[in-house]
N, C-alpha and C. Protein backbone atom coordinates (compact mmCIF):
# COMPACT_ATOMS: atom_id res chain seq x y z
N MET A 1 34.82 7.89 -20.59
CA MET A 1 34.19 6.62 -20.43
C MET A 1 34.07 6.51 -18.65
N PHE A 2 34.81 7.03 -18.32
CA PHE A 2 34.98 6.52 -17.35
C PHE A 2 34.37 7.70 -16.01
N LEU A 3 34.05 9.16 -16.59
CA LEU A 3 33.42 9.73 -15.84
C LEU A 3 31.67 9.48 -16.73
N GLY A 4 31.65 9.21 -17.40
CA GLY A 4 30.20 8.30 -17.44
C GLY A 4 29.87 7.33 -16.96
N LEU A 5 30.52 6.37 -16.48
CA LEU A 5 30.40 5.58 -15.49
C LEU A 5 30.14 6.23 -14.27
N LYS A 6 31.22 6.85 -13.98
CA LYS A 6 31.10 7.52 -12.18
C LYS A 6 29.37 8.27 -12.49
N SER A 7 29.04 9.06 -13.53
CA SER A 7 27.86 9.36 -13.29
C SER A 7 26.69 8.48 -13.04
N VAL A 8 26.70 7.79 -13.70
CA VAL A 8 25.67 7.02 -14.12
C VAL A 8 25.92 6.26 -12.38
N LEU A 9 26.84 5.36 -11.85
CA LEU A 9 27.09 5.03 -10.60
C LEU A 9 26.66 5.98 -9.47
N THR A 10 26.55 7.45 -9.56
CA THR A 10 26.01 8.27 -8.92
C THR A 10 24.70 8.71 -8.68
N VAL A 11 24.16 8.56 -10.01
CA VAL A 11 22.92 8.75 -10.09
C VAL A 11 22.23 7.39 -9.44
N SER A 12 22.43 6.34 -9.35
CA SER A 12 22.05 5.31 -9.26
C SER A 12 22.17 4.77 -7.92
N LEU A 13 23.18 5.41 -7.21
CA LEU A 13 23.11 5.35 -6.04
C LEU A 13 22.08 6.49 -4.79
N LEU A 14 22.00 7.61 -5.57
CA LEU A 14 21.34 8.76 -5.44
C LEU A 14 19.38 7.86 -5.24
N ALA A 15 19.31 6.90 -6.70
CA ALA A 15 18.11 6.52 -6.68
C ALA A 15 17.76 5.27 -5.58
N ALA A 16 18.88 4.58 -5.38
CA ALA A 16 18.45 3.74 -4.22
C ALA A 16 18.83 4.96 -2.95
N THR A 17 19.21 5.58 -2.62
CA THR A 17 18.97 6.45 -1.20
C THR A 17 17.69 6.77 -1.13
N VAL A 18 17.05 7.59 -2.17
CA VAL A 18 15.62 7.99 -2.08
C VAL A 18 15.07 6.96 -2.36
N ALA A 19 14.98 6.02 -2.79
CA ALA A 19 13.90 5.01 -2.74
C ALA A 19 13.87 4.45 -1.41
N GLY A 20 15.26 4.19 -0.76
CA GLY A 20 14.96 3.62 0.86
C GLY A 20 14.28 4.59 1.46
N CYS A 21 13.91 6.18 1.23
CA CYS A 21 13.34 6.98 2.13
C CYS A 21 12.04 7.00 1.75
N THR A 22 11.66 6.48 0.72
CA THR A 22 10.07 6.26 0.95
C THR A 22 9.63 5.08 0.99
N THR A 23 9.95 4.24 1.45
CA THR A 23 10.03 2.91 1.98
C THR A 23 9.39 3.14 3.46
N GLN A 24 8.13 2.91 3.96
CA GLN A 24 7.79 2.44 5.28
C GLN A 24 7.76 1.11 6.12
N THR A 25 7.39 1.26 7.19
CA THR A 25 7.22 0.00 7.71
C THR A 25 5.77 0.22 7.64
N GLN A 26 4.79 -1.41 7.89
CA GLN A 26 3.43 -0.66 8.05
C GLN A 26 2.95 -1.06 9.14
N PRO A 27 2.03 0.01 9.30
CA PRO A 27 2.13 -0.09 10.73
C PRO A 27 0.41 -1.33 11.12
N LEU A 28 0.45 -1.47 12.34
CA LEU A 28 -0.85 -2.20 12.20
C LEU A 28 -1.85 -1.87 11.76
N GLN A 29 -2.42 -2.51 11.22
CA GLN A 29 -4.18 -1.93 10.82
C GLN A 29 -5.20 -2.05 11.56
N ASN A 30 -6.51 -2.38 11.21
CA ASN A 30 -7.73 -2.13 11.62
C ASN A 30 -8.09 -3.65 11.78
N GLY A 31 -7.89 -4.20 12.86
CA GLY A 31 -8.17 -6.03 12.76
C GLY A 31 -9.08 -6.04 13.48
N ALA A 32 -9.24 -7.44 14.30
CA ALA A 32 -10.17 -7.37 15.29
C ALA A 32 -9.47 -6.84 16.74
N SER A 33 -8.29 -6.99 16.66
CA SER A 33 -7.39 -6.42 17.98
C SER A 33 -6.73 -5.13 18.28
N VAL A 34 -6.89 -4.26 16.85
CA VAL A 34 -6.32 -2.98 17.30
C VAL A 34 -7.51 -1.85 16.65
N TYR A 35 -7.28 -1.20 18.09
CA TYR A 35 -8.23 0.36 17.80
C TYR A 35 -7.66 1.50 17.91
N ARG A 36 -8.25 2.27 16.52
CA ARG A 36 -7.89 3.35 16.90
C ARG A 36 -7.88 4.22 18.23
N ALA A 37 -7.22 5.11 18.27
CA ALA A 37 -6.91 6.31 19.91
C ALA A 37 -8.17 6.78 19.60
N SER A 38 -9.20 7.07 18.41
CA SER A 38 -10.57 7.83 18.52
C SER A 38 -11.15 6.91 19.67
N GLU A 39 -10.71 5.87 19.44
CA GLU A 39 -11.41 4.82 19.68
C GLU A 39 -12.16 4.13 21.32
N SER A 40 -10.64 4.60 21.94
CA SER A 40 -11.00 4.17 23.13
C SER A 40 -11.14 4.85 24.00
N GLN A 41 -11.64 4.45 24.99
CA GLN A 41 -12.50 5.14 25.85
C GLN A 41 -14.12 5.94 25.25
N ARG A 42 -15.09 5.50 24.78
CA ARG A 42 -15.96 5.38 24.01
C ARG A 42 -16.65 4.32 24.50
N ALA A 43 -17.81 4.76 24.30
CA ALA A 43 -19.08 3.79 24.18
C ALA A 43 -18.92 3.17 22.95
N MET A 44 -18.76 1.37 23.10
CA MET A 44 -19.44 1.23 21.67
C MET A 44 -20.66 -0.01 21.88
N TYR A 45 -21.39 0.07 20.62
CA TYR A 45 -22.30 -0.79 20.97
C TYR A 45 -21.75 -2.87 20.93
N ALA A 46 -22.40 -4.00 21.12
CA ALA A 46 -21.89 -4.80 21.00
C ALA A 46 -23.22 -5.97 20.26
N ALA A 47 -23.38 -6.79 19.46
CA ALA A 47 -23.90 -7.26 19.14
C ALA A 47 -23.63 -8.86 19.28
N SER A 48 -24.44 -9.52 19.96
CA SER A 48 -23.46 -11.38 19.28
C SER A 48 -24.49 -11.95 17.78
N CYS A 49 -23.31 -12.67 17.75
CA CYS A 49 -23.78 -12.80 15.69
C CYS A 49 -22.89 -14.54 16.06
N ARG A 50 -23.36 -14.79 14.75
CA ARG A 50 -22.81 -15.99 14.42
C ARG A 50 -21.82 -15.82 12.69
N VAL A 51 -20.79 -16.54 12.99
CA VAL A 51 -20.15 -16.22 11.53
C VAL A 51 -20.81 -17.03 10.01
N ILE A 52 -21.33 -16.48 9.42
CA ILE A 52 -21.46 -17.38 8.41
C ILE A 52 -20.98 -17.88 6.95
N SER A 53 -19.74 -16.53 6.99
CA SER A 53 -18.74 -16.73 5.83
C SER A 53 -17.71 -16.05 6.35
N ALA A 54 -16.75 -16.33 5.84
CA ALA A 54 -15.35 -15.51 6.15
C ALA A 54 -14.59 -15.71 4.53
N ARG A 55 -13.91 -14.63 3.55
CA ARG A 55 -13.32 -14.95 3.00
C ARG A 55 -12.22 -13.81 2.82
N TYR A 56 -10.90 -14.25 2.28
CA TYR A 56 -10.17 -13.32 2.56
C TYR A 56 -10.62 -12.04 1.08
N VAL A 57 -10.03 -10.93 1.80
CA VAL A 57 -10.35 -10.01 0.09
C VAL A 57 -8.65 -9.01 0.78
N ALA A 58 -8.90 -8.24 -0.07
CA ALA A 58 -8.08 -7.09 -0.37
C ALA A 58 -8.41 -5.43 0.12
N VAL A 59 -7.43 -5.05 0.92
CA VAL A 59 -8.03 -4.06 1.12
C VAL A 59 -6.99 -2.91 1.01
N VAL A 60 -7.34 -1.74 -0.24
CA VAL A 60 -6.88 -1.15 -0.39
C VAL A 60 -6.47 0.52 -0.37
N GLY A 61 -5.76 1.11 0.31
CA GLY A 61 -5.83 2.30 0.75
C GLY A 61 -6.57 3.05 0.07
N ASP A 62 -7.16 4.29 0.38
CA ASP A 62 -7.58 4.88 -0.60
C ASP A 62 -7.56 6.38 0.71
N SER A 63 -7.24 6.67 1.18
CA SER A 63 -7.16 8.21 2.14
C SER A 63 -6.44 9.13 1.26
N GLN A 64 -6.54 10.13 2.22
CA GLN A 64 -6.00 11.33 1.21
C GLN A 64 -4.16 10.76 1.58
N GLU A 65 -4.10 10.58 2.84
CA GLU A 65 -3.05 10.95 3.60
C GLU A 65 -1.90 9.32 2.54
N ASP A 66 -2.50 8.20 2.20
CA ASP A 66 -2.03 7.17 0.58
C ASP A 66 -1.60 7.71 -0.20
N ARG A 67 -3.06 8.87 -1.06
CA ARG A 67 -2.81 9.33 -2.25
C ARG A 67 -1.82 10.55 -2.54
N ASN A 68 -1.19 11.41 -1.26
CA ASN A 68 -0.27 12.28 -0.91
C ASN A 68 1.15 11.30 -1.09
N ARG A 69 1.10 10.32 -0.27
CA ARG A 69 2.06 9.50 -0.23
C ARG A 69 2.47 9.19 -1.53
N SER A 70 1.54 8.50 -2.41
CA SER A 70 1.47 7.61 -4.11
C SER A 70 2.05 8.91 -5.09
N ALA A 71 1.34 9.92 -4.64
CA ALA A 71 1.95 10.86 -5.84
C ALA A 71 3.57 11.65 -5.26
N ALA A 72 4.04 11.47 -4.47
CA ALA A 72 5.08 12.11 -3.90
C ALA A 72 6.01 10.27 -4.79
N THR A 73 5.89 10.11 -4.17
CA THR A 73 6.74 8.10 -4.86
C THR A 73 6.53 8.52 -6.15
N THR A 74 5.84 8.35 -7.12
CA THR A 74 5.23 8.37 -8.15
C THR A 74 6.61 9.93 -8.96
N GLY A 75 6.35 10.63 -7.88
CA GLY A 75 7.30 11.55 -8.42
C GLY A 75 8.60 11.81 -8.38
N VAL A 76 9.08 10.83 -7.43
CA VAL A 76 10.52 10.75 -6.82
C VAL A 76 11.09 9.48 -8.07
N GLY A 77 9.27 8.54 -8.62
CA GLY A 77 9.96 7.39 -9.44
C GLY A 77 10.34 8.28 -11.04
N ILE A 78 9.69 8.79 -10.79
CA ILE A 78 9.74 9.73 -12.55
C ILE A 78 11.25 10.39 -12.52
N VAL A 79 11.62 11.19 -12.14
CA VAL A 79 12.29 12.17 -11.81
C VAL A 79 13.37 11.48 -11.79
N THR A 80 13.77 10.12 -10.98
CA THR A 80 14.91 9.31 -10.18
C THR A 80 15.60 8.43 -11.69
N GLY A 81 14.14 7.58 -13.06
CA GLY A 81 13.84 7.41 -13.79
C GLY A 81 15.11 7.78 -15.02
N ALA A 82 13.91 9.32 -15.11
CA ALA A 82 14.36 10.36 -15.95
C ALA A 82 16.15 10.82 -15.90
N LEU A 83 16.40 10.86 -15.00
CA LEU A 83 17.83 11.19 -14.58
C LEU A 83 18.65 10.23 -14.87
N ILE A 84 18.60 8.74 -14.45
CA ILE A 84 19.25 7.17 -14.64
C ILE A 84 19.30 7.69 -16.72
N GLY A 85 18.26 7.37 -17.09
CA GLY A 85 17.87 6.86 -18.49
C GLY A 85 18.53 7.84 -19.01
N ASN A 86 18.95 9.66 -19.06
CA ASN A 86 19.37 10.27 -19.50
C ASN A 86 21.09 10.04 -19.20
N ALA A 87 21.37 9.28 -18.34
CA ALA A 87 22.96 9.15 -17.64
C ALA A 87 23.43 8.11 -19.30
N ILE A 88 22.74 7.39 -18.90
CA ILE A 88 22.91 6.07 -19.73
C ILE A 88 23.09 6.48 -21.06
N GLY A 89 21.88 7.17 -21.83
CA GLY A 89 21.71 7.86 -22.77
C GLY A 89 23.28 8.67 -23.13
N ARG A 90 23.86 9.35 -22.07
CA ARG A 90 24.87 10.12 -22.46
C ARG A 90 25.74 9.01 -23.10
N GLU A 91 25.93 8.15 -22.74
CA GLU A 91 27.24 7.08 -23.12
C GLU A 91 27.33 6.37 -23.87
N ILE A 92 26.06 6.39 -24.83
CA ILE A 92 25.65 6.19 -26.39
C ILE A 92 25.90 6.99 -27.28
N GLY A 93 26.93 6.61 -28.67
CA GLY A 93 27.19 7.57 -29.78
C GLY A 93 27.59 8.84 -29.61
N GLY A 94 27.76 9.71 -30.05
CA GLY A 94 27.66 10.90 -30.28
C GLY A 94 27.34 12.05 -31.41
N GLY A 95 27.08 13.44 -30.97
CA GLY A 95 26.45 14.25 -31.90
C GLY A 95 25.18 14.11 -31.95
N SER A 96 24.70 14.20 -32.62
CA SER A 96 23.57 14.54 -32.86
C SER A 96 22.53 12.98 -32.16
N GLY A 97 23.33 11.53 -32.44
CA GLY A 97 22.92 10.60 -32.03
C GLY A 97 22.86 10.25 -30.45
N ASN A 98 23.95 11.14 -29.76
CA ASN A 98 24.01 11.15 -28.28
C ASN A 98 23.00 11.43 -27.99
N ARG A 99 22.52 13.14 -28.65
CA ARG A 99 21.40 13.79 -28.33
C ARG A 99 20.41 12.90 -28.23
N LEU A 100 20.21 12.39 -29.38
CA LEU A 100 19.02 11.54 -29.48
C LEU A 100 18.64 10.24 -28.31
N ALA A 101 20.18 9.78 -27.89
CA ALA A 101 20.12 8.81 -27.19
C ALA A 101 20.23 9.51 -25.59
N ARG A 102 20.23 10.40 -25.26
CA ARG A 102 19.88 11.14 -24.17
C ARG A 102 18.63 11.31 -23.92
N ASN A 103 17.79 11.93 -25.07
CA ASN A 103 16.45 11.68 -24.98
C ASN A 103 15.70 10.99 -24.43
N LEU A 104 15.34 10.02 -25.77
CA LEU A 104 14.59 8.59 -25.23
C LEU A 104 15.17 8.05 -23.94
N GLY A 105 16.62 8.50 -23.61
CA GLY A 105 17.08 7.45 -22.54
C GLY A 105 16.07 8.03 -21.10
N THR A 106 15.93 9.46 -21.33
CA THR A 106 15.21 10.10 -20.36
C THR A 106 13.72 9.89 -20.19
N VAL A 107 13.45 9.49 -21.36
CA VAL A 107 11.93 9.19 -21.93
C VAL A 107 11.33 7.94 -21.41
N ALA A 108 12.56 7.33 -21.65
CA ALA A 108 12.02 5.77 -21.33
C ALA A 108 12.16 5.77 -19.43
N GLY A 109 13.28 6.29 -18.64
CA GLY A 109 14.00 6.06 -17.75
C GLY A 109 12.94 6.73 -16.95
N ALA A 110 12.21 7.62 -17.51
CA ALA A 110 10.77 8.26 -16.56
C ALA A 110 9.82 7.28 -16.57
N ALA A 111 9.73 6.61 -17.51
CA ALA A 111 8.34 5.80 -17.61
C ALA A 111 8.03 4.52 -16.44
N ILE A 112 9.59 4.42 -16.87
CA ILE A 112 10.46 2.83 -16.14
C ILE A 112 10.40 3.27 -14.58
N GLY A 113 10.50 4.62 -14.30
CA GLY A 113 10.40 5.08 -12.85
C GLY A 113 8.93 5.06 -12.76
N ALA A 114 8.25 5.65 -13.21
CA ALA A 114 7.16 5.83 -13.31
C ALA A 114 5.96 4.66 -12.96
N GLY A 115 6.61 3.42 -13.64
CA GLY A 115 5.98 2.20 -13.04
C GLY A 115 6.49 1.50 -11.93
N ALA A 116 7.70 1.99 -11.42
CA ALA A 116 8.52 0.67 -10.49
C ALA A 116 7.83 1.38 -9.33
N ALA A 117 7.40 3.23 -9.08
CA ALA A 117 6.71 3.92 -8.13
C ALA A 117 5.47 3.37 -8.31
N ASP A 118 4.38 3.17 -8.94
CA ASP A 118 2.98 2.55 -9.21
C ASP A 118 2.86 1.08 -8.34
N ALA A 119 3.84 0.43 -8.51
CA ALA A 119 3.95 -0.90 -8.42
C ALA A 119 4.17 -0.79 -6.36
N ALA A 120 5.43 -0.03 -6.08
CA ALA A 120 5.39 0.33 -5.21
C ALA A 120 4.60 0.88 -4.16
N ASN A 121 3.99 1.85 -4.55
CA ASN A 121 2.73 2.73 -4.03
C ASN A 121 1.71 0.90 -4.04
N GLN A 122 1.21 0.48 -4.84
CA GLN A 122 0.19 -0.58 -4.75
C GLN A 122 0.44 -1.58 -3.78
N ARG A 123 1.64 -2.03 -3.70
CA ARG A 123 2.44 -3.11 -2.04
C ARG A 123 1.69 -2.06 -0.98
N ARG A 124 2.71 -1.38 -1.03
CA ARG A 124 2.30 -0.11 0.09
C ARG A 124 1.55 -0.05 0.59
N THR A 125 -0.18 0.00 0.17
CA THR A 125 -1.26 0.12 0.10
C THR A 125 -2.36 -0.63 0.73
N THR A 126 -2.00 -1.49 0.12
CA THR A 126 -2.91 -2.84 -0.38
C THR A 126 -2.05 -3.81 1.27
N ARG A 127 -3.46 -4.03 1.73
CA ARG A 127 -3.58 -4.72 2.83
C ARG A 127 -4.27 -5.91 2.82
N GLN A 128 -3.92 -6.87 3.08
CA GLN A 128 -4.72 -8.03 3.84
C GLN A 128 -6.15 -8.12 4.26
N GLY A 129 -7.22 -8.60 4.19
CA GLY A 129 -8.44 -7.78 4.94
C GLY A 129 -9.17 -9.45 4.80
N VAL A 130 -10.54 -9.16 5.38
CA VAL A 130 -11.04 -10.21 5.83
C VAL A 130 -12.98 -9.93 5.27
N GLU A 131 -14.01 -10.82 4.83
CA GLU A 131 -15.00 -10.22 4.56
C GLU A 131 -15.82 -11.31 5.24
N TYR A 132 -17.05 -10.59 6.36
CA TYR A 132 -17.17 -11.37 7.28
C TYR A 132 -18.97 -11.09 6.62
N LEU A 133 -19.88 -12.19 6.78
CA LEU A 133 -20.93 -12.36 6.62
C LEU A 133 -21.53 -13.32 7.61
N VAL A 134 -22.03 -12.13 8.68
CA VAL A 134 -22.47 -12.44 9.79
C VAL A 134 -24.30 -12.62 10.01
N ALA A 135 -24.45 -12.85 10.83
CA ALA A 135 -26.03 -13.57 11.01
C ALA A 135 -26.30 -13.09 12.82
N LEU A 136 -26.90 -12.25 13.32
CA LEU A 136 -27.11 -11.73 14.29
C LEU A 136 -28.35 -12.14 14.87
N ASP A 137 -27.61 -11.83 16.13
CA ASP A 137 -29.25 -13.08 17.13
C ASP A 137 -30.82 -12.70 16.87
N ARG A 138 -30.49 -11.38 16.45
CA ARG A 138 -31.74 -10.70 16.33
C ARG A 138 -32.48 -10.75 15.12
N GLY A 139 -32.05 -11.42 14.25
CA GLY A 139 -32.51 -12.63 13.14
C GLY A 139 -31.86 -11.30 11.65
N GLU A 140 -31.02 -10.25 11.88
CA GLU A 140 -30.44 -9.67 10.57
C GLU A 140 -28.68 -10.68 10.48
N ARG A 141 -28.64 -9.64 9.07
CA ARG A 141 -27.33 -10.25 8.14
C ARG A 141 -26.62 -8.89 8.04
N ARG A 142 -25.37 -8.46 8.35
CA ARG A 142 -24.05 -7.82 7.84
C ARG A 142 -22.64 -8.21 7.23
N VAL A 143 -23.06 -7.76 6.38
CA VAL A 143 -21.51 -7.93 5.53
C VAL A 143 -20.45 -6.80 5.90
N ILE A 144 -19.27 -7.17 6.73
CA ILE A 144 -18.23 -6.21 7.31
C ILE A 144 -16.49 -6.86 6.54
N VAL A 145 -15.98 -5.54 6.30
CA VAL A 145 -14.75 -5.95 5.79
C VAL A 145 -13.93 -5.35 6.79
N GLN A 146 -12.66 -5.88 7.06
CA GLN A 146 -11.97 -5.50 8.27
C GLN A 146 -10.36 -6.00 7.74
N ASN A 147 -9.66 -5.15 7.81
CA ASN A 147 -8.48 -5.50 7.95
C ASN A 147 -7.83 -6.43 8.91
N LEU A 148 -6.85 -7.03 8.80
CA LEU A 148 -6.37 -8.45 9.52
C LEU A 148 -4.92 -8.34 9.65
N ASN A 149 -4.30 -7.97 11.08
CA ASN A 149 -3.09 -8.18 11.51
C ASN A 149 -2.38 -9.16 11.33
N PRO A 150 -0.66 -9.09 10.88
CA PRO A 150 -0.22 -10.41 10.03
C PRO A 150 -0.63 -11.28 11.43
N GLY A 151 -0.45 -12.25 10.86
CA GLY A 151 -0.45 -13.84 11.60
C GLY A 151 -2.02 -14.07 12.52
N GLU A 152 -2.85 -13.02 12.61
CA GLU A 152 -4.11 -13.34 12.28
C GLU A 152 -5.12 -14.24 11.59
N ALA A 153 -5.52 -14.79 12.40
CA ALA A 153 -6.61 -15.66 11.48
C ALA A 153 -8.23 -15.10 11.57
N PRO A 154 -8.38 -15.21 10.10
CA PRO A 154 -10.08 -15.10 10.19
C PRO A 154 -11.09 -15.86 10.64
N ILE A 155 -11.92 -15.56 11.53
CA ILE A 155 -12.97 -16.04 12.27
C ILE A 155 -13.72 -17.12 11.63
N PRO A 156 -13.45 -18.47 11.82
CA PRO A 156 -14.16 -19.72 10.83
C PRO A 156 -15.36 -19.85 11.25
N ALA A 157 -16.20 -19.87 9.60
CA ALA A 157 -17.33 -19.87 9.60
C ALA A 157 -18.28 -20.68 10.39
N GLY A 158 -19.04 -20.43 11.42
CA GLY A 158 -20.15 -21.54 12.40
C GLY A 158 -19.82 -20.71 13.71
N ALA A 159 -18.37 -19.71 13.72
CA ALA A 159 -17.99 -19.18 15.26
C ALA A 159 -19.12 -18.56 15.84
N ALA A 160 -19.12 -18.25 16.87
CA ALA A 160 -19.89 -17.49 17.71
C ALA A 160 -18.98 -15.74 17.59
N CYS A 161 -19.23 -14.88 17.29
CA CYS A 161 -18.94 -13.56 17.76
C CYS A 161 -19.39 -12.49 18.11
N ASP A 162 -18.73 -11.44 18.17
CA ASP A 162 -19.63 -9.99 18.67
C ASP A 162 -19.43 -9.16 17.60
N LEU A 163 -20.19 -8.50 17.05
CA LEU A 163 -20.69 -7.44 15.98
C LEU A 163 -20.50 -6.33 17.10
N VAL A 164 -19.10 -5.81 16.96
CA VAL A 164 -18.58 -4.50 17.94
C VAL A 164 -17.96 -3.33 17.04
N GLY A 165 -19.43 -2.10 17.31
CA GLY A 165 -18.84 -0.73 16.60
C GLY A 165 -19.61 0.50 17.47
N GLY A 166 -19.41 1.30 16.63
CA GLY A 166 -19.81 2.76 16.72
C GLY A 166 -18.98 3.61 16.11
N ARG A 167 -20.21 4.78 15.75
CA ARG A 167 -19.77 6.23 14.64
C ARG A 167 -19.11 5.31 13.05
N GLY A 168 -19.82 4.24 13.01
CA GLY A 168 -19.28 3.41 11.34
C GLY A 168 -18.24 2.83 11.30
N HIS A 169 -17.69 2.43 12.51
CA HIS A 169 -16.24 1.58 12.41
C HIS A 169 -17.05 0.18 13.24
N ASP A 170 -17.03 -0.39 12.54
CA ASP A 170 -17.92 -2.11 12.91
C ASP A 170 -16.35 -2.79 12.72
N ARG A 171 -16.77 -4.05 13.57
CA ARG A 171 -15.66 -5.21 13.52
C ARG A 171 -16.43 -6.18 14.11
N VAL A 172 -15.91 -7.44 13.45
CA VAL A 172 -16.52 -8.89 14.05
C VAL A 172 -15.00 -8.94 15.08
N VAL A 173 -15.59 -9.21 15.84
CA VAL A 173 -14.35 -9.99 17.03
C VAL A 173 -14.87 -11.15 17.60
N PRO A 174 -14.12 -12.45 17.86
CA PRO A 174 -14.58 -13.51 18.78
C PRO A 174 -15.31 -13.27 19.43
N ALA A 175 -16.37 -13.90 20.05
CA ALA A 175 -17.17 -14.15 21.57
C ALA A 175 -16.13 -14.40 22.21
N TYR A 176 -16.44 -13.60 23.40
CA TYR A 176 -15.80 -14.15 25.27
C TYR A 176 -16.41 -14.65 26.21
């Protein structure tokens, strides 16, 4: 019995260590005051506008890097869950009952690990954003969705702003 408990504790410690390795801090995102390195020292256009409306939205990461990292996290979750489930099943019953408990524990643990990894991936790749409807001074209207940085508030409706962009990366910034 002590050896089984030791195995469960070892696998649990391993799972916690692996999970800690996959957690990353969220970098600053592309809000009104964050620029990509590729956008620096490049001419961009600016058009005067006014915010008609602003509403909070969720911006879900869908880059290849996000997908690769999510696949890796899911794999780790499945394997870790299966190991923990098998170790717990090993402690139940004896003979063929023990084999059944280990198999069921492995499958259930893998499913729980996959679900936990999916939830972690969703938290990691979903960011707070804002959808702006703006009226340009030249009469056009545009909808722009952009990330919000932590602590950053949306530009309120009615406020003067500038639509700044180039190369398909537009953003709404407060008028200066």
